[in-house]
PDB file of N, CA and C in Angstrom:
ATOM      1  N   MET A   1     -36.887 -77.973  28.916  1.00  0.00           N
ATOM      2  CA  MET A   1     -35.359 -77.688  28.461  1.00  0.00           C
ATOM      3  C   MET A   1     -35.211 -76.523  27.185  1.00  0.00           C
ATOM      4  N   THR A   2     -36.406 -76.681  26.303  1.00  0.00           N
ATOM      5  CA  THR A   2     -36.583 -75.482  25.430  1.00  0.00           C
ATOM      6  C   THR A   2     -36.748 -74.319  26.105  1.00  0.00           C
ATOM      7  N   GLU A   3     -37.909 -74.205  27.079  1.00  0.00           N
ATOM      8  CA  GLU A   3     -38.069 -73.020  27.615  1.00  0.00           C
ATOM      9  C   GLU A   3     -36.709 -72.385  28.290  1.00  0.00           C
ATOM     10  N   PHE A   4     -36.096 -73.102  28.879  1.00  0.00           N
ATOM     11  CA  PHE A   4     -34.898 -72.524  29.527  1.00  0.00           C
ATOM     12  C   PHE A   4     -34.081 -72.185  28.645  1.00  0.00           C
ATOM     13  N   LYS A   5     -33.708 -72.634  27.599  1.00  0.00           N
ATOM     14  CA  LYS A   5     -32.895 -72.279  26.160  1.00  0.00           C
ATOM     15  C   LYS A   5     -33.421 -70.990  25.825  1.00  0.00           C
ATOM     16  N   LEU A   6     -34.673 -70.558  25.623  1.00  0.00           N
ATOM     17  CA  LEU A   6     -35.065 -69.789  24.986  1.00  0.00           C
ATOM     18  C   LEU A   6     -34.975 -68.413  25.968  1.00  0.00           C
ATOM     19  N   PHE A   7     -35.253 -68.748  27.306  1.00  0.00           N
ATOM     20  CA  PHE A   7     -34.784 -67.710  28.623  1.00  0.00           C
ATOM     21  C   PHE A   7     -33.694 -67.465  28.161  1.00  0.00           C
ATOM     22  N   ASN A   8     -32.649 -68.476  28.166  1.00  0.00           N
ATOM     23  CA  ASN A   8     -31.276 -67.807  28.049  1.00  0.00           C
ATOM     24  C   ASN A   8     -30.661 -67.481  26.997  1.00  0.00           C
ATOM     25  N   ASP A   9     -31.428 -67.507  25.855  1.00  0.00           N
ATOM     26  CA  ASP A   9     -31.015 -66.751  24.632  1.00  0.00           C
ATOM     27  C   ASP A   9     -31.593 -65.316  24.569  1.00  0.00           C
ATOM     28  N   ILE A  10     -32.677 -65.145  25.307  1.00  0.00           N
ATOM     29  CA  ILE A  10     -33.156 -63.901  25.156  1.00  0.00           C
ATOM     30  C   ILE A  10     -32.472 -62.994  26.477  1.00  0.00           C
ATOM     31  N   ASN A  11     -31.939 -63.671  27.470  1.00  0.00           N
ATOM     32  CA  ASN A  11     -31.128 -62.801  28.304  1.00  0.00           C
ATOM     33  C   ASN A  11     -29.991 -62.657  27.639  1.00  0.00           C
ATOM     34  N   LYS A  12     -29.344 -63.367  27.310  1.00  0.00           N
ATOM     35  CA  LYS A  12     -27.811 -63.358  26.503  1.00  0.00           C
ATOM     36  C   LYS A  12     -28.078 -62.144  25.535  1.00  0.00           C
ATOM     37  N   LEU A  13     -29.242 -62.115  24.705  1.00  0.00           N
ATOM     38  CA  LEU A  13     -29.629 -60.808  23.574  1.00  0.00           C
ATOM     39  C   LEU A  13     -29.492 -59.443  24.443  1.00  0.00           C
ATOM     40  N   THR A  14     -30.442 -59.673  25.686  1.00  0.00           N
ATOM     41  CA  THR A  14     -30.649 -58.432  26.363  1.00  0.00           C
ATOM     42  C   THR A  14     -29.099 -57.989  27.388  1.00  0.00           C
ATOM     43  N   VAL A  15     -28.444 -58.980  27.651  1.00  0.00           N
ATOM     44  CA  VAL A  15     -27.049 -58.341  28.473  1.00  0.00           C
ATOM     45  C   VAL A  15     -26.432 -57.802  27.449  1.00  0.00           C
ATOM     46  N   TRP A  16     -26.512 -58.674  26.026  1.00  0.00           N
ATOM     47  CA  TRP A  16     -25.297 -57.542  25.153  1.00  0.00           C
ATOM     48  C   TRP A  16     -25.733 -56.476  24.366  1.00  0.00           C
ATOM     49  N   LEU A  17     -27.249 -56.369  24.214  1.00  0.00           N
ATOM     50  CA  LEU A  17     -27.734 -55.150  23.825  1.00  0.00           C
ATOM     51  C   LEU A  17     -27.765 -53.833  24.609  1.00  0.00           C
ATOM     52  N   LEU A  18     -28.235 -54.129  26.002  1.00  0.00           N
ATOM     53  CA  LEU A  18     -28.063 -52.845  27.078  1.00  0.00           C
ATOM     54  C   LEU A  18     -26.874 -52.054  27.039  1.00  0.00           C
ATOM     55  N   PRO A  19     -25.573 -52.364  27.324  1.00  0.00           N
ATOM     56  CA  PRO A  19     -24.635 -51.651  26.837  1.00  0.00           C
ATOM     57  C   PRO A  19     -24.783 -50.852  25.381  1.00  0.00           C
ATOM     58  N   ILE A  20     -24.940 -51.325  24.546  1.00  0.00           N
ATOM     59  CA  ILE A  20     -24.840 -50.671  23.457  1.00  0.00           C
ATOM     60  C   ILE A  20     -25.810 -49.706  23.288  1.00  0.00           C
ATOM     61  N   LEU A  21     -27.177 -49.764  23.993  1.00  0.00           N
ATOM     62  CA  LEU A  21     -28.086 -48.919  24.065  1.00  0.00           C
ATOM     63  C   LEU A  21     -27.948 -47.739  24.769  1.00  0.00           C
ATOM     64  N   GLY A  22     -26.858 -48.083  25.983  1.00  0.00           N
ATOM     65  CA  GLY A  22     -26.775 -47.001  26.916  1.00  0.00           C
ATOM     66  C   GLY A  22     -25.686 -46.057  26.449  1.00  0.00           C
ATOM     67  N   LYS A  23     -25.181 -46.309  24.789  1.00  0.00           N
ATOM     68  CA  LYS A  23     -24.326 -45.386  24.190  1.00  0.00           C
ATOM     69  C   LYS A  23     -24.858 -44.567  22.920  1.00  0.00           C
ATOM     70  N   ILE A  24     -26.253 -44.784  22.982  1.00  0.00           N
ATOM     71  CA  ILE A  24     -26.890 -44.050  21.873  1.00  0.00           C
ATOM     72  C   ILE A  24     -26.939 -42.730  22.181  1.00  0.00           C
ATOM     73  N   LEU A  25     -26.992 -41.951  21.292  1.00  0.00           N
ATOM     74  CA  LEU A  25     -27.002 -40.364  21.606  1.00  0.00           C
ATOM     75  C   LEU A  25     -28.160 -40.215  22.216  1.00  0.00           C
ATOM     76  N   ARG A  26     -28.017 -39.107  23.094  1.00  0.00           N
ATOM     77  CA  ARG A  26     -28.873 -38.353  24.322  1.00  0.00           C
ATOM     78  C   ARG A  26     -30.236 -38.263  23.525  1.00  0.00           C
ATOM     79  N   ASN A  27     -30.448 -37.826  22.218  1.00  0.00           N
ATOM     80  CA  ASN A  27     -31.669 -37.494  21.834  1.00  0.00           C
ATOM     81  C   ASN A  27     -32.518 -38.223  21.205  1.00  0.00           C
ATOM     82  N   PHE A  28     -31.976 -39.631  21.026  1.00  0.00           N
ATOM     83  CA  PHE A  28     -32.606 -41.108  20.695  1.00  0.00           C
ATOM     84  C   PHE A  28     -32.594 -42.016  21.948  1.00  0.00           C
ATOM     85  N   ARG A  29     -31.577 -41.617  23.143  1.00  0.00           N
ATOM     86  CA  ARG A  29     -31.585 -42.528  24.091  1.00  0.00           C
ATOM     87  C   ARG A  29     -33.284 -42.526  24.729  1.00  0.00           C
ATOM     88  N   TYR A  30     -33.532 -41.385  24.958  1.00  0.00           N
ATOM     89  CA  TYR A  30     -34.759 -41.474  25.566  1.00  0.00           C
ATOM     90  C   TYR A  30     -36.271 -41.678  24.816  1.00  0.00           C
ATOM     91  N   THR A  31     -36.043 -42.076  23.540  1.00  0.00           N
ATOM     92  CA  THR A  31     -37.271 -42.479  23.143  1.00  0.00           C
ATOM     93  C   THR A  31     -36.631 -43.765  22.167  1.00  0.00           C
ATOM     94  N   LEU A  32     -36.201 -43.860  21.133  1.00  0.00           N
ATOM     95  CA  LEU A  32     -35.806 -45.587  20.699  1.00  0.00           C
ATOM     96  C   LEU A  32     -34.938 -46.522  21.556  1.00  0.00           C
ATOM     97  N   SER A  33     -34.144 -45.663  21.947  1.00  0.00           N
ATOM     98  CA  SER A  33     -33.548 -46.881  23.087  1.00  0.00           C
ATOM     99  C   SER A  33     -34.130 -47.207  24.275  1.00  0.00           C
ATOM    100  N   ILE A  34     -34.752 -46.273  25.005  1.00  0.00           N
ATOM    101  CA  ILE A  34     -35.819 -46.683  26.197  1.00  0.00           C
ATOM    102  C   ILE A  34     -36.917 -47.723  25.387  1.00  0.00           C
ATOM    103  N   ARG A  35     -37.237 -47.469  24.288  1.00  0.00           N
ATOM    104  CA  ARG A  35     -38.299 -48.354  23.869  1.00  0.00           C
ATOM    105  C   ARG A  35     -38.029 -49.868  23.755  1.00  0.00           C
ATOM    106  N   ILE A  36     -36.967 -49.886  23.443  1.00  0.00           N
ATOM    107  CA  ILE A  36     -35.949 -51.249  22.958  1.00  0.00           C
ATOM    108  C   ILE A  36     -35.652 -51.979  24.100  1.00  0.00           C
ATOM    109  N   GLU A  37     -35.331 -51.018  25.493  1.00  0.00           N
ATOM    110  CA  GLU A  37     -35.014 -51.919  26.468  1.00  0.00           C
ATOM    111  C   GLU A  37     -36.483 -52.013  27.547  1.00  0.00           C
ATOM    112  N   ASN A  38     -37.307 -51.366  27.373  1.00  0.00           N
ATOM    113  CA  ASN A  38     -38.495 -51.710  27.609  1.00  0.00           C
ATOM    114  C   ASN A  38     -39.096 -52.755  27.495  1.00  0.00           C
ATOM    115  N   THR A  39     -39.201 -53.043  26.070  1.00  0.00           N
ATOM    116  CA  THR A  39     -39.585 -54.050  25.507  1.00  0.00           C
ATOM    117  C   THR A  39     -38.858 -55.532  25.612  1.00  0.00           C
ATOM    118  N   LEU A  40     -37.473 -55.470  26.003  1.00  0.00           N
ATOM    119  CA  LEU A  40     -36.875 -56.567  26.314  1.00  0.00           C
ATOM    120  C   LEU A  40     -37.149 -56.935  27.556  1.00  0.00           C
ATOM    121  N   TYR A  41     -37.256 -55.766  28.680  1.00  0.00           N
ATOM    122  CA  TYR A  41     -37.765 -56.441  30.022  1.00  0.00           C
ATOM    123  C   TYR A  41     -39.132 -57.068  29.922  1.00  0.00           C
ATOM    124  N   ASP A  42     -40.158 -56.471  29.234  1.00  0.00           N
ATOM    125  CA  ASP A  42     -41.205 -56.809  29.029  1.00  0.00           C
ATOM    126  C   ASP A  42     -41.281 -58.505  28.703  1.00  0.00           C
ATOM    127  N   ILE A  43     -40.475 -58.701  27.406  1.00  0.00           N
ATOM    128  CA  ILE A  43     -40.333 -60.064  27.098  1.00  0.00           C
ATOM    129  C   ILE A  43     -39.828 -61.230  28.511  1.00  0.00           C
ATOM    130  N   THR A  44     -38.580 -60.385  28.960  1.00  0.00           N
ATOM    131  CA  THR A  44     -38.600 -61.480  30.006  1.00  0.00           C
ATOM    132  C   THR A  44     -39.737 -61.953  31.004  1.00  0.00           C
ATOM    133  N   ASP A  45     -40.281 -60.357  31.678  1.00  0.00           N
ATOM    134  CA  ASP A  45     -41.740 -60.979  32.076  1.00  0.00           C
ATOM    135  C   ASP A  45     -42.613 -61.713  31.709  1.00  0.00           C
ATOM    136  N   VAL A  46     -42.981 -61.840  30.336  1.00  0.00           N
ATOM    137  CA  VAL A  46     -43.720 -62.709  29.746  1.00  0.00           C
ATOM    138  C   VAL A  46     -43.489 -64.034  29.906  1.00  0.00           C
ATOM    139  N   ILE A  47     -42.148 -64.094  29.294  1.00  0.00           N
ATOM    140  CA  ILE A  47     -41.265 -65.382  29.717  1.00  0.00           C
ATOM    141  C   ILE A  47     -41.619 -66.290  30.846  1.00  0.00           C
ATOM    142  N   ARG A  48     -41.288 -65.432  32.098  1.00  0.00           N
ATOM    143  CA  ARG A  48     -41.637 -66.028  33.608  1.00  0.00           C
ATOM    144  C   ARG A  48     -42.884 -66.013  33.703  1.00  0.00           C
ATOM    145  N   THR A  49     -43.959 -65.295  32.863  1.00  0.00           N
ATOM    146  CA  THR A  49     -45.131 -65.711  33.041  1.00  0.00           C
ATOM    147  C   THR A  49     -45.657 -66.886  32.543  1.00  0.00           C
ATOM    148  N   TYR A  50     -45.030 -67.218  31.389  1.00  0.00           N
ATOM    149  CA  TYR A  50     -45.426 -68.373  30.548  1.00  0.00           C
ATOM    150  C   TYR A  50     -45.083 -69.621  31.645  1.00  0.00           C
ATOM    151  N   GLU A  51     -43.662 -69.671  32.063  1.00  0.00           N
ATOM    152  CA  GLU A  51     -43.057 -70.628  32.611  1.00  0.00           C
ATOM    153  C   GLU A  51     -44.107 -71.155  34.224  1.00  0.00           C
ATOM    154  N   VAL A  52     -44.804 -70.058  34.465  1.00  0.00           N
ATOM    155  CA  VAL A  52     -45.944 -70.713  35.562  1.00  0.00           C
ATOM    156  C   VAL A  52     -47.419 -70.752  35.041  1.00  0.00           C
ATOM    157  N   ILE A  53     -47.893 -70.262  33.894  1.00  0.00           N
ATOM    158  CA  ILE A  53     -49.108 -70.681  33.771  1.00  0.00           C
ATOM    159  C   ILE A  53     -49.584 -71.220  32.107  1.00  0.00           C
ATOM    160  N   LYS A  54     -48.205 -71.442  31.391  1.00  0.00           N
ATOM    161  CA  LYS A  54     -48.342 -72.030  30.037  1.00  0.00           C
ATOM    162  C   LYS A  54     -49.300 -71.656  29.405  1.00  0.00           C
ATOM    163  N   ASP A  55     -49.438 -70.450  29.200  1.00  0.00           N
ATOM    164  CA  ASP A  55     -50.670 -69.776  28.269  1.00  0.00           C
ATOM    165  C   ASP A  55     -50.050 -69.565  27.016  1.00  0.00           C
ATOM    166  N   ASN A  56     -50.347 -70.186  25.985  1.00  0.00           N
ATOM    167  CA  ASN A  56     -49.758 -70.312  24.644  1.00  0.00           C
ATOM    168  C   ASN A  56     -49.973 -69.050  23.957  1.00  0.00           C
ATOM    169  N   GLU A  57     -50.898 -68.161  24.438  1.00  0.00           N
ATOM    170  CA  GLU A  57     -51.222 -67.176  23.934  1.00  0.00           C
ATOM    171  C   GLU A  57     -49.628 -66.166  24.222  1.00  0.00           C
ATOM    172  N   LEU A  58     -49.055 -66.550  24.990  1.00  0.00           N
ATOM    173  CA  LEU A  58     -48.148 -65.696  25.541  1.00  0.00           C
ATOM    174  C   LEU A  58     -46.643 -65.626  25.103  1.00  0.00           C
ATOM    175  N   LEU A  59     -46.748 -66.754  24.100  1.00  0.00           N
ATOM    176  CA  LEU A  59     -45.529 -67.182  23.064  1.00  0.00           C
ATOM    177  C   LEU A  59     -45.876 -66.189  21.666  1.00  0.00           C
ATOM    178  N   LYS A  60     -47.031 -66.076  21.430  1.00  0.00           N
ATOM    179  CA  LYS A  60     -47.391 -65.096  20.320  1.00  0.00           C
ATOM    180  C   LYS A  60     -46.750 -63.714  20.774  1.00  0.00           C
ATOM    181  N   THR A  61     -47.149 -63.243  21.990  1.00  0.00           N
ATOM    182  CA  THR A  61     -46.900 -61.980  22.527  1.00  0.00           C
ATOM    183  C   THR A  61     -45.185 -61.817  22.501  1.00  0.00           C
ATOM    184  N   ILE A  62     -44.289 -63.001  23.152  1.00  0.00           N
ATOM    185  CA  ILE A  62     -43.221 -62.893  22.673  1.00  0.00           C
ATOM    186  C   ILE A  62     -42.891 -62.719  21.403  1.00  0.00           C
ATOM    187  N   ASP A  63     -43.239 -63.527  20.300  1.00  0.00           N
ATOM    188  CA  ASP A  63     -42.896 -63.296  19.143  1.00  0.00           C
ATOM    189  C   ASP A  63     -43.129 -61.893  18.176  1.00  0.00           C
ATOM    190  N   ILE A  64     -44.600 -61.458  18.910  1.00  0.00           N
ATOM    191  CA  ILE A  64     -44.541 -59.869  18.600  1.00  0.00           C
ATOM    192  C   ILE A  64     -43.809 -59.002  19.094  1.00  0.00           C
ATOM    193  N   LYS A  65     -43.314 -59.084  20.128  1.00  0.00           N
ATOM    194  CA  LYS A  65     -42.538 -57.969  20.776  1.00  0.00           C
ATOM    195  C   LYS A  65     -40.962 -58.222  20.402  1.00  0.00           C
ATOM    196  N   MET A  66     -40.620 -59.455  19.723  1.00  0.00           N
ATOM    197  CA  MET A  66     -39.538 -59.652  19.379  1.00  0.00           C
ATOM    198  C   MET A  66     -39.254 -59.041  17.807  1.00  0.00           C
ATOM    199  N   LYS A  67     -40.522 -58.872  16.825  1.00  0.00           N
ATOM    200  CA  LYS A  67     -40.295 -58.375  15.886  1.00  0.00           C
ATOM    201  C   LYS A  67     -40.429 -56.912  15.904  1.00  0.00           C
ATOM    202  N   SER A  68     -40.662 -56.358  16.901  1.00  0.00           N
ATOM    203  CA  SER A  68     -40.942 -54.761  17.257  1.00  0.00           C
ATOM    204  C   SER A  68     -39.723 -54.315  17.435  1.00  0.00           C
ATOM    205  N   ILE A  69     -38.727 -55.383  18.456  1.00  0.00           N
ATOM    206  CA  ILE A  69     -37.481 -54.979  18.763  1.00  0.00           C
ATOM    207  C   ILE A  69     -36.470 -54.938  17.441  1.00  0.00           C
ATOM    208  N   SER A  70     -36.817 -56.057  16.368  1.00  0.00           N
ATOM    209  CA  SER A  70     -35.819 -56.060  15.406  1.00  0.00           C
ATOM    210  C   SER A  70     -36.196 -54.936  14.297  1.00  0.00           C
ATOM    211  N   THR A  71     -37.731 -54.248  14.674  1.00  0.00           N
ATOM    212  CA  THR A  71     -37.801 -53.003  13.495  1.00  0.00           C
ATOM    213  C   THR A  71     -37.422 -51.960  14.142  1.00  0.00           C
ATOM    214  N   TYR A  72     -37.197 -51.771  15.570  1.00  0.00           N
ATOM    215  CA  TYR A  72     -36.546 -50.636  16.130  1.00  0.00           C
ATOM    216  C   TYR A  72     -34.813 -50.512  15.931  1.00  0.00           C
ATOM    217  N   ILE A  73     -34.462 -52.121  16.073  1.00  0.00           N
ATOM    218  CA  ILE A  73     -33.122 -51.865  15.877  1.00  0.00           C
ATOM    219  C   ILE A  73     -32.576 -51.919  14.428  1.00  0.00           C
ATOM    220  N   ARG A  74     -33.478 -52.155  13.430  1.00  0.00           N
ATOM    221  CA  ARG A  74     -33.496 -51.525  11.837  1.00  0.00           C
ATOM    222  C   ARG A  74     -33.297 -50.008  11.923  1.00  0.00           C
ATOM    223  N   TYR A  75     -34.072 -49.263  12.528  1.00  0.00           N
ATOM    224  CA  TYR A  75     -34.291 -47.990  12.507  1.00  0.00           C
ATOM    225  C   TYR A  75     -32.986 -47.606  13.001  1.00  0.00           C
ATOM    226  N   ALA A  76     -32.402 -47.938  14.263  1.00  0.00           N
ATOM    227  CA  ALA A  76     -31.298 -47.169  14.894  1.00  0.00           C
ATOM    228  C   ALA A  76     -29.939 -47.510  13.820  1.00  0.00           C
ATOM    229  N   ASN A  77     -29.871 -48.883  13.122  1.00  0.00           N
ATOM    230  CA  ASN A  77     -28.881 -49.215  11.991  1.00  0.00           C
ATOM    231  C   ASN A  77     -28.885 -48.055  10.883  1.00  0.00           C
ATOM    232  N   GLN A  78     -30.387 -47.736  10.489  1.00  0.00           N
ATOM    233  CA  GLN A  78     -30.522 -46.925   9.795  1.00  0.00           C
ATOM    234  C   GLN A  78     -30.076 -45.519   9.582  1.00  0.00           C
ATOM    235  N   ILE A  79     -30.252 -45.217  10.942  1.00  0.00           N
ATOM    236  CA  ILE A  79     -29.887 -43.893  11.094  1.00  0.00           C
ATOM    237  C   ILE A  79     -28.426 -43.687  11.926  1.00  0.00           C
ATOM    238  N   LYS A  80     -27.837 -44.729  12.092  1.00  0.00           N
ATOM    239  CA  LYS A  80     -26.486 -45.050  12.000  1.00  0.00           C
ATOM    240  C   LYS A  80     -26.101 -45.058  13.780  1.00  0.00           C
ATOM    241  N   LEU A  81     -27.158 -45.267  14.375  1.00  0.00           N
ATOM    242  CA  LEU A  81     -26.924 -45.198  15.617  1.00  0.00           C
ATOM    243  C   LEU A  81     -26.255 -46.671  16.412  1.00  0.00           C
ATOM    244  N   ILE A  82     -26.266 -47.772  15.368  1.00  0.00           N
ATOM    245  CA  ILE A  82     -25.293 -48.926  15.471  1.00  0.00           C
ATOM    246  C   ILE A  82     -24.788 -49.121  14.402  1.00  0.00           C
ATOM    247  N   THR A  83     -23.493 -50.004  14.329  1.00  0.00           N
ATOM    248  CA  THR A  83     -22.799 -50.574  13.313  1.00  0.00           C
ATOM    249  C   THR A  83     -23.584 -51.626  12.657  1.00  0.00           C
ATOM    250  N   GLU A  84     -23.105 -51.721  11.522  1.00  0.00           N
ATOM    251  CA  GLU A  84     -23.598 -52.857  10.226  1.00  0.00           C
ATOM    252  C   GLU A  84     -23.307 -53.878  11.299  1.00  0.00           C
ATOM    253  N   GLN A  85     -22.033 -54.340  11.935  1.00  0.00           N
ATOM    254  CA  GLN A  85     -21.794 -55.435  12.778  1.00  0.00           C
ATOM    255  C   GLN A  85     -22.791 -55.841  13.904  1.00  0.00           C
ATOM    256  N   LYS A  86     -22.721 -54.654  14.627  1.00  0.00           N
ATOM    257  CA  LYS A  86     -23.957 -54.796  15.909  1.00  0.00           C
ATOM    258  C   LYS A  86     -25.359 -55.312  15.400  1.00  0.00           C
ATOM    259  N   HIS A  87     -25.953 -54.776  14.009  1.00  0.00           N
ATOM    260  CA  HIS A  87     -26.971 -54.930  13.550  1.00  0.00           C
ATOM    261  C   HIS A  87     -27.167 -56.501  13.201  1.00  0.00           C
ATOM    262  N   TYR A  88     -26.018 -56.992  12.244  1.00  0.00           N
ATOM    263  CA  TYR A  88     -25.545 -58.329  11.977  1.00  0.00           C
ATOM    264  C   TYR A  88     -25.965 -58.991  13.025  1.00  0.00           C
ATOM    265  N   THR A  89     -25.106 -59.037  13.944  1.00  0.00           N
ATOM    266  CA  THR A  89     -25.057 -59.706  15.527  1.00  0.00           C
ATOM    267  C   THR A  89     -26.590 -60.029  16.002  1.00  0.00           C
ATOM    268  N   PHE A  90     -26.979 -58.980  15.988  1.00  0.00           N
ATOM    269  CA  PHE A  90     -28.504 -58.750  16.971  1.00  0.00           C
ATOM    270  C   PHE A  90     -29.188 -59.742  15.710  1.00  0.00           C
ATOM    271  N   ILE A  91     -29.202 -59.690  14.202  1.00  0.00           N
ATOM    272  CA  ILE A  91     -29.917 -60.362  13.525  1.00  0.00           C
ATOM    273  C   ILE A  91     -29.862 -61.716  13.793  1.00  0.00           C
ATOM    274  N   GLN A  92     -28.810 -62.153  13.847  1.00  0.00           N
ATOM    275  CA  GLN A  92     -28.337 -63.562  14.334  1.00  0.00           C
ATOM    276  C   GLN A  92     -28.779 -64.069  15.342  1.00  0.00           C
ATOM    277  N   GLN A  93     -28.811 -63.361  16.558  1.00  0.00           N
ATOM    278  CA  GLN A  93     -29.351 -63.837  17.968  1.00  0.00           C
ATOM    279  C   GLN A  93     -30.907 -63.865  17.924  1.00  0.00           C
ATOM    280  N   SER A  94     -31.288 -62.826  16.753  1.00  0.00           N
ATOM    281  CA  SER A  94     -32.756 -62.685  17.141  1.00  0.00           C
ATOM    282  C   SER A  94     -33.513 -63.864  16.366  1.00  0.00           C
ATOM    283  N   GLU A  95     -32.866 -64.318  15.406  1.00  0.00           N
ATOM    284  CA  GLU A  95     -33.042 -65.469  14.425  1.00  0.00           C
ATOM    285  C   GLU A  95     -32.869 -66.608  14.999  1.00  0.00           C
ATOM    286  N   THR A  96     -32.320 -66.973  16.001  1.00  0.00           N
ATOM    287  CA  THR A  96     -32.075 -68.040  16.782  1.00  0.00           C
ATOM    288  C   THR A  96     -33.513 -67.899  17.742  1.00  0.00           C
ATOM    289  N   ILE A  97     -33.679 -67.240  18.253  1.00  0.00           N
ATOM    290  CA  ILE A  97     -34.957 -67.030  19.311  1.00  0.00           C
ATOM    291  C   ILE A  97     -36.213 -67.136  18.348  1.00  0.00           C
ATOM    292  N   GLY A  98     -36.111 -66.390  16.979  1.00  0.00           N
ATOM    293  CA  GLY A  98     -37.359 -67.129  16.319  1.00  0.00           C
ATOM    294  C   GLY A  98     -37.612 -67.940  15.879  1.00  0.00           C
ATOM    295  N   LYS A  99     -36.703 -69.192  15.469  1.00  0.00           N
ATOM    296  CA  LYS A  99     -36.449 -70.274  15.266  1.00  0.00           C
ATOM    297  C   LYS A  99     -37.252 -71.138  16.335  1.00  0.00           C
ATOM    298  N   GLN A 100     -36.927 -70.628  17.455  1.00  0.00           N
ATOM    299  CA  GLN A 100     -37.202 -71.422  18.803  1.00  0.00           C
ATOM    300  C   GLN A 100     -38.706 -71.191  19.056  1.00  0.00           C
ATOM    301  N   LEU A 101     -39.316 -69.951  19.182  1.00  0.00           N
ATOM    302  CA  LEU A 101     -40.769 -69.374  19.026  1.00  0.00           C
ATOM    303  C   LEU A 101     -41.368 -70.087  18.143  1.00  0.00           C
ATOM    304  N   GLY A 102     -40.768 -70.165  16.751  1.00  0.00           N
ATOM    305  CA  GLY A 102     -41.337 -70.494  15.839  1.00  0.00           C
ATOM    306  C   GLY A 102     -42.048 -72.218  16.297  1.00  0.00           C
ATOM    307  N   GLY A 103     -40.849 -72.700  16.262  1.00  0.00           N
ATOM    308  CA  GLY A 103     -41.249 -74.237  16.626  1.00  0.00           C
ATOM    309  C   GLY A 103     -41.803 -74.665  17.840  1.00  0.00           C
ATOM    310  N   TRP A 104     -42.069 -73.734  18.724  1.00  0.00           N
ATOM    311  CA  TRP A 104     -42.988 -74.058  19.635  1.00  0.00           C
ATOM    312  C   TRP A 104     -44.545 -73.535  19.288  1.00  0.00           C
ATOM    313  N   LEU A 105     -44.779 -72.575  18.339  1.00  0.00           N
ATOM    314  CA  LEU A 105     -45.882 -72.605  17.915  1.00  0.00           C
ATOM    315  C   LEU A 105     -46.427 -73.392  16.824  1.00  0.00           C
ATOM    316  N   ASP A 106     -45.439 -74.056  16.176  1.00  0.00           N
ATOM    317  CA  ASP A 106     -46.166 -74.897  14.949  1.00  0.00           C
ATOM    318  C   ASP A 106     -46.379 -76.250  15.888  1.00  0.00           C
ATOM    319  N   ASN A 107     -45.566 -76.338  16.820  1.00  0.00           N
ATOM    320  CA  ASN A 107     -46.166 -77.525  17.502  1.00  0.00           C
ATOM    321  C   ASN A 107     -47.686 -77.327  18.262  1.00  0.00           C
ATOM    322  N   ILE A 108     -47.516 -76.213  18.752  1.00  0.00           N
ATOM    323  CA  ILE A 108     -48.845 -75.814  19.762  1.00  0.00           C
ATOM    324  C   ILE A 108     -50.152 -76.125  18.397  1.00  0.00           C
ATOM    325  N   HIS A 109     -49.494 -75.439  17.173  1.00  0.00           N
ATOM    326  CA  HIS A 109     -50.811 -75.382  16.245  1.00  0.00           C
ATOM    327  C   HIS A 109     -51.131 -76.957  15.885  1.00  0.00           C
ATOM    328  N   LYS A 110     -50.066 -77.684  15.396  1.00  0.00           N
ATOM    329  CA  LYS A 110     -49.987 -79.011  15.441  1.00  0.00           C
ATOM    330  C   LYS A 110     -50.935 -79.959  16.088  1.00  0.00           C
ATOM    331  N   GLY A 111     -50.529 -79.472  17.504  1.00  0.00           N
ATOM    332  CA  GLY A 111     -51.292 -80.269  18.932  1.00  0.00           C
ATOM    333  C   GLY A 111     -52.870 -79.940  18.488  1.00  0.00           C
ATOM    334  N   ILE A 112     -53.130 -78.781  18.605  1.00  0.00           N
ATOM    335  CA  ILE A 112     -54.469 -78.379  17.932  1.00  0.00           C
ATOM    336  C   ILE A 112     -55.352 -78.972  17.045  1.00  0.00           C
ATOM    337  N   ASN A 113     -54.513 -78.968  15.972  1.00  0.00           N
ATOM    338  CA  ASN A 113     -55.128 -79.775  14.809  1.00  0.00           C
ATOM    339  C   ASN A 113     -55.628 -81.172  15.082  1.00  0.00           C
ATOM    340  N   GLU A 114     -54.178 -81.711  15.787  1.00  0.00           N
ATOM    341  CA  GLU A 114     -54.566 -83.325  15.973  1.00  0.00           C
ATOM    342  C   GLU A 114     -55.623 -83.381  17.029  1.00  0.00           C
ATOM    343  N   LYS A 115     -55.910 -82.828  18.211  1.00  0.00           N
ATOM    344  CA  LYS A 115     -56.750 -83.078  18.920  1.00  0.00           C
ATOM    345  C   LYS A 115     -58.552 -82.587  18.333  1.00  0.00           C
ATOM    346  N   ASN A 116     -58.295 -81.560  17.499  1.00  0.00           N
ATOM    347  CA  ASN A 116     -59.688 -81.418  16.724  1.00  0.00           C
ATOM    348  C   ASN A 116     -59.929 -82.569  15.628  1.00  0.00           C
ATOM    349  N   ARG A 117     -58.846 -83.271  14.994  1.00  0.00           N
ATOM    350  CA  ARG A 117     -59.127 -84.129  14.498  1.00  0.00           C
ATOM    351  C   ARG A 117     -59.290 -85.523  14.969  1.00  0.00           C
ATOM    352  N   LEU A 118     -59.108 -85.661  16.214  1.00  0.00           N
ATOM    353  CA  LEU A 118     -59.375 -86.538  17.178  1.00  0.00           C
ATOM    354  C   LEU A 118     -60.878 -86.802  17.727  1.00  0.00           C
ATOM    355  N   LEU A 119     -61.183 -85.165  17.623  1.00  0.00           N
ATOM    356  CA  LEU A 119     -62.537 -85.043  18.159  1.00  0.00           C
ATOM    357  C   LEU A 119     -63.946 -85.337  17.126  1.00  0.00           C
ATOM    358  N   LEU A 120     -63.384 -85.551  15.715  1.00  0.00           N
ATOM    359  CA  LEU A 120     -64.386 -85.865  14.670  1.00  0.00           C
ATOM    360  C   LEU A 120     -64.682 -86.756  14.206  1.00  0.00           C
TER     361      LEU A 120
END
């Protein structure tokens, strides 16, 4: 269920962000905006891959890609390509996703530590 919620939250973020990116000025459209879009699509692909193979390293990949998008969105805000309100909305949505990922990664780490403790 958590996996489904994570996908839904990332889907919601993507659907909200794509029209905003489409309005970015032409000279940034083909650099910053496309990089953000491609990273969003990459995250979707990684989530779908995780659903099939359950490789926990993929969760780290999602986390890294979300951090990259956050950096790109901050750049877009700093050079006035997106408003403060849109930047704030992005931060709220990405924090929700980050908490879910963080919880998964913590549980995985605790599970590995517990398994190692039992082996000793």
